[in-house]
Amino acid sequence: MAAHIAQCWRRSAARRADENELKFWPVIKNGKRVGTVASHLGKGGYGAVEVVIAIVDVPGAPAKIKAVKIQRDRERYRKALRSSTFLNQFKGKTAASKLKVGSDIKVAHPKAKRASEVVALSVKKLLVAYKVLGIAGK
């Protein structure tokens, strides 16, 4: 177990600090929390890919994705990466959903597999952290 933790630490330490940062902002309507906007910065093939998601909290059900957007990127196939065809695949997904690019999520463009994986991983990280940290109830 200690070896696994050390291995994860080394991989994590090799990343820039902002790649490990998950940001969450509550969405309030009429004084009541109705959801959350969250962001994560991943490392694409040509630089940073910042993914922003809208999470809705349904009482008695797991939190799910309402929308996914790319806030910034320098990817070569950015039009495909930012397309509704690609991003809408994440709608309705939860922390328990499988998000493997190539089987569960179609790649944005045949030459943008890495960037597609960065988006899917960012979405998964945000959903899992949201669930594990209990952000919905805060």
C-alpha atoms as a PDB file:
ATOM      1  CA  MET A   1       0.000   0.000   0.000  1.00  0.00           C
ATOM      2  CA  ALA A   2       2.781   2.449   0.898  1.00  0.00           C
ATOM      3  CA  ALA A   3       4.476   1.770  -2.446  1.00  0.00           C
ATOM      4  CA  HIS A   4       1.243   2.574  -4.281  1.00  0.00           C
ATOM      5  CA  ILE A   5       0.845   5.850  -2.378  1.00  0.00           C
ATOM      6  CA  ALA A   6       4.463   6.792  -3.125  1.00  0.00           C
ATOM      7  CA  GLN A   7       3.942   6.017  -6.822  1.00  0.00           C
ATOM      8  CA  CYS A   8       0.811   8.189  -6.942  1.00  0.00           C
ATOM      9  CA  TRP A   9       2.674  10.981  -5.146  1.00  0.00           C
ATOM     10  CA  ARG A  10       5.532  10.904  -7.666  1.00  0.00           C
ATOM     11  CA  ARG A  11       3.098  11.080 -10.588  1.00  0.00           C
ATOM     12  CA  SER A  12       1.203  13.897  -8.913  1.00  0.00           C
ATOM     13  CA  ALA A  13       4.368  15.831  -8.037  1.00  0.00           C
ATOM     14  CA  ALA A  14       5.442  15.738 -11.686  1.00  0.00           C
ATOM     15  CA  ARG A  15       2.385  17.783 -12.588  1.00  0.00           C
ATOM     16  CA  ARG A  16       2.050  21.505 -12.177  1.00  0.00           C
ATOM     17  CA  ALA A  17       0.243  22.514  -9.004  1.00  0.00           C
ATOM     18  CA  ASP A  18      -2.744  23.933 -10.883  1.00  0.00           C
ATOM     19  CA  GLU A  19      -3.310  20.559 -12.599  1.00  0.00           C
ATOM     20  CA  ASN A  20      -4.210  19.091  -9.217  1.00  0.00           C
ATOM     21  CA  GLU A  21      -6.514  21.935  -8.254  1.00  0.00           C
ATOM     22  CA  LEU A  22     -10.260  21.371  -8.364  1.00  0.00           C
ATOM     23  CA  LYS A  23     -12.435  24.463  -8.015  1.00  0.00           C
ATOM     24  CA  PHE A  24     -16.114  24.529  -7.022  1.00  0.00           C
ATOM     25  CA  TRP A  25     -18.613  27.418  -6.909  1.00  0.00           C
ATOM     26  CA  PRO A  26     -22.194  27.041  -5.631  1.00  0.00           C
ATOM     27  CA  VAL A  27     -25.108  28.121  -7.825  1.00  0.00           C
ATOM     28  CA  ILE A  28     -27.802  29.804  -5.744  1.00  0.00           C
ATOM     29  CA  LYS A  29     -31.366  30.513  -6.879  1.00  0.00           C
ATOM     30  CA  ASN A  30     -33.885  32.202  -4.564  1.00  0.00           C
ATOM     31  CA  GLY A  31     -31.545  31.639  -1.619  1.00  0.00           C
ATOM     32  CA  LYS A  32     -31.294  27.887  -2.248  1.00  0.00           C
ATOM     33  CA  ARG A  33     -28.385  25.912  -3.686  1.00  0.00           C
ATOM     34  CA  VAL A  34     -29.473  24.369  -6.982  1.00  0.00           C
ATOM     35  CA  GLY A  35     -26.134  23.186  -8.293  1.00  0.00           C
ATOM     36  CA  THR A  36     -22.447  23.806  -8.651  1.00  0.00           C
ATOM     37  CA  VAL A  37     -20.036  25.031 -11.296  1.00  0.00           C
ATOM     38  CA  ALA A  38     -16.643  23.323 -11.154  1.00  0.00           C
ATOM     39  CA  SER A  39     -13.394  23.592 -13.082  1.00  0.00           C
ATOM     40  CA  HIS A  40     -10.191  21.639 -13.565  1.00  0.00           C
ATOM     41  CA  LEU A  41      -7.069  22.356 -15.578  1.00  0.00           C
ATOM     42  CA  GLY A  42      -5.618  19.373 -17.414  1.00  0.00           C
ATOM     43  CA  LYS A  43      -2.557  18.990 -19.590  1.00  0.00           C
ATOM     44  CA  GLY A  44      -3.386  18.533 -23.260  1.00  0.00           C
ATOM     45  CA  GLY A  45      -1.051  17.836 -26.149  1.00  0.00           C
ATOM     46  CA  TYR A  46      -0.512  21.560 -26.825  1.00  0.00           C
ATOM     47  CA  GLY A  47      -0.890  23.083 -23.373  1.00  0.00           C
ATOM     48  CA  ALA A  48      -3.556  23.557 -20.746  1.00  0.00           C
ATOM     49  CA  VAL A  49      -7.143  22.427 -21.263  1.00  0.00           C
ATOM     50  CA  GLU A  50      -9.483  24.020 -18.742  1.00  0.00           C
ATOM     51  CA  VAL A  51     -12.737  22.120 -18.346  1.00  0.00           C
ATOM     52  CA  VAL A  52     -15.786  23.695 -16.698  1.00  0.00           C
ATOM     53  CA  ILE A  53     -18.827  21.650 -15.711  1.00  0.00           C
ATOM     54  CA  ALA A  54     -22.275  22.423 -14.356  1.00  0.00           C
ATOM     55  CA  ILE A  55     -23.468  19.906 -11.762  1.00  0.00           C
ATOM     56  CA  VAL A  56     -27.104  19.614 -10.687  1.00  0.00           C
ATOM     57  CA  ASP A  57     -28.181  18.165  -7.367  1.00  0.00           C
ATOM     58  CA  VAL A  58     -31.342  16.111  -7.569  1.00  0.00           C
ATOM     59  CA  PRO A  59     -32.773  15.282  -4.127  1.00  0.00           C
ATOM     60  CA  GLY A  60     -32.468  11.559  -3.441  1.00  0.00           C
ATOM     61  CA  ALA A  61     -30.312  10.938  -6.522  1.00  0.00           C
ATOM     62  CA  PRO A  62     -26.626  11.255  -7.373  1.00  0.00           C
ATOM     63  CA  ALA A  63     -25.374  14.613  -8.636  1.00  0.00           C
ATOM     64  CA  LYS A  64     -25.146  14.677 -12.410  1.00  0.00           C
ATOM     65  CA  ILE A  65     -23.676  16.740 -15.232  1.00  0.00           C
ATOM     66  CA  LYS A  66     -25.877  19.405 -16.759  1.00  0.00           C
ATOM     67  CA  ALA A  67     -23.239  20.798 -19.134  1.00  0.00           C
ATOM     68  CA  VAL A  68     -19.539  20.658 -19.972  1.00  0.00           C
ATOM     69  CA  LYS A  69     -17.579  23.475 -21.621  1.00  0.00           C
ATOM     70  CA  ILE A  70     -13.959  24.099 -22.503  1.00  0.00           C
ATOM     71  CA  GLN A  71     -12.899  27.437 -21.064  1.00  0.00           C
ATOM     72  CA  ARG A  72      -9.448  27.494 -22.641  1.00  0.00           C
ATOM     73  CA  ASP A  73      -7.206  25.312 -24.725  1.00  0.00           C
ATOM     74  CA  ARG A  74      -4.570  25.425 -27.452  1.00  0.00           C
ATOM     75  CA  GLU A  75      -5.407  22.109 -29.012  1.00  0.00           C
ATOM     76  CA  ARG A  76      -4.994  21.613 -32.728  1.00  0.00           C
ATOM     77  CA  TYR A  77      -8.519  20.181 -33.106  1.00  0.00           C
ATOM     78  CA  ARG A  78     -10.181  22.645 -30.754  1.00  0.00           C
ATOM     79  CA  LYS A  79     -13.323  23.028 -32.857  1.00  0.00           C
ATOM     80  CA  ALA A  80     -14.068  19.305 -32.481  1.00  0.00           C
ATOM     81  CA  LEU A  81     -13.077  19.337 -28.799  1.00  0.00           C
ATOM     82  CA  ARG A  82     -15.460  22.240 -28.105  1.00  0.00           C
ATOM     83  CA  SER A  83     -18.275  20.825 -30.242  1.00  0.00           C
ATOM     84  CA  SER A  84     -21.658  20.013 -28.753  1.00  0.00           C
ATOM     85  CA  THR A  85     -21.371  16.578 -30.380  1.00  0.00           C
ATOM     86  CA  PHE A  86     -18.402  15.769 -28.141  1.00  0.00           C
ATOM     87  CA  LEU A  87     -19.327  17.671 -24.971  1.00  0.00           C
ATOM     88  CA  ASN A  88     -22.987  16.600 -24.857  1.00  0.00           C
ATOM     89  CA  GLN A  89     -21.845  13.000 -24.325  1.00  0.00           C
ATOM     90  CA  PHE A  90     -21.160  13.956 -20.706  1.00  0.00           C
ATOM     91  CA  LYS A  91     -24.700  15.193 -19.950  1.00  0.00           C
ATOM     92  CA  GLY A  92     -26.398  13.159 -17.252  1.00  0.00           C
ATOM     93  CA  LYS A  93     -23.195  11.376 -16.186  1.00  0.00           C
ATOM     94  CA  THR A  94     -22.546  10.797 -12.482  1.00  0.00           C
ATOM     95  CA  ALA A  95     -19.486   9.932 -10.392  1.00  0.00           C
ATOM     96  CA  ALA A  96     -20.321   6.247 -10.956  1.00  0.00           C
ATOM     97  CA  SER A  97     -20.463   6.596 -14.752  1.00  0.00           C
ATOM     98  CA  LYS A  98     -17.754   5.082 -16.907  1.00  0.00           C
ATOM     99  CA  LEU A  99     -16.018   7.767 -18.984  1.00  0.00           C
ATOM    100  CA  LYS A 100     -13.425   5.843 -20.986  1.00  0.00           C
ATOM    101  CA  VAL A 101     -12.679   7.535 -24.304  1.00  0.00           C
ATOM    102  CA  GLY A 102     -13.090   5.081 -27.144  1.00  0.00           C
ATOM    103  CA  SER A 103     -15.764   2.958 -25.488  1.00  0.00           C
ATOM    104  CA  ASP A 104     -18.009   5.080 -23.240  1.00  0.00           C
ATOM    105  CA  ILE A 105     -17.157   8.452 -24.796  1.00  0.00           C
ATOM    106  CA  LYS A 106     -16.460   8.927 -28.495  1.00  0.00           C
ATOM    107  CA  VAL A 107     -13.239  10.760 -29.305  1.00  0.00           C
ATOM    108  CA  ALA A 108     -13.764  14.398 -30.382  1.00  0.00           C
ATOM    109  CA  HIS A 109     -11.593  13.914 -33.480  1.00  0.00           C
ATOM    110  CA  PRO A 110      -9.469  10.935 -34.572  1.00  0.00           C
ATOM    111  CA  LYS A 111      -6.305  12.997 -34.000  1.00  0.00           C
ATOM    112  CA  ALA A 112      -7.517  14.438 -30.683  1.00  0.00           C
ATOM    113  CA  LYS A 113      -7.635  11.316 -28.522  1.00  0.00           C
ATOM    114  CA  ARG A 114      -5.284  12.715 -25.873  1.00  0.00           C
ATOM    115  CA  ALA A 115      -7.267  15.957 -25.584  1.00  0.00           C
ATOM    116  CA  SER A 116     -10.514  13.968 -25.414  1.00  0.00           C
ATOM    117  CA  GLU A 117      -9.036  11.882 -22.588  1.00  0.00           C
ATOM    118  CA  VAL A 118      -7.980  15.030 -20.732  1.00  0.00           C
ATOM    119  CA  VAL A 119     -11.564  16.319 -20.846  1.00  0.00           C
ATOM    120  CA  ALA A 120     -13.015  12.969 -19.723  1.00  0.00           C
ATOM    121  CA  LEU A 121     -10.495  12.670 -16.885  1.00  0.00           C
ATOM    122  CA  SER A 122     -11.203  16.225 -15.706  1.00  0.00           C
ATOM    123  CA  VAL A 123     -14.951  15.554 -15.683  1.00  0.00           C
ATOM    124  CA  LYS A 124     -14.430  12.304 -13.754  1.00  0.00           C
ATOM    125  CA  LYS A 125     -12.106  13.948 -11.206  1.00  0.00           C
ATOM    126  CA  LEU A 126     -14.592  16.746 -10.573  1.00  0.00           C
ATOM    127  CA  LEU A 127     -17.570  14.390 -10.176  1.00  0.00           C
ATOM    128  CA  VAL A 128     -15.744  12.015  -7.855  1.00  0.00           C
ATOM    129  CA  ALA A 129     -14.350  14.842  -5.714  1.00  0.00           C
ATOM    130  CA  TYR A 130     -17.812  16.426  -5.555  1.00  0.00           C
ATOM    131  CA  LYS A 131     -19.263  13.160  -4.288  1.00  0.00           C
ATOM    132  CA  VAL A 132     -16.451  12.154  -1.930  1.00  0.00           C
ATOM    133  CA  LEU A 133     -16.079  15.609  -0.375  1.00  0.00           C
ATOM    134  CA  GLY A 134     -19.847  15.932   0.089  1.00  0.00           C
ATOM    135  CA  ILE A 135     -19.892  19.330  -1.573  1.00  0.00           C
ATOM    136  CA  ALA A 136     -23.598  19.119  -2.444  1.00  0.00           C
ATOM    137  CA  GLY A 137     -24.606  19.366   1.205  1.00  0.00           C
ATOM    138  CA  LYS A 138     -22.353  22.324   1.985  1.00  0.00           C
END
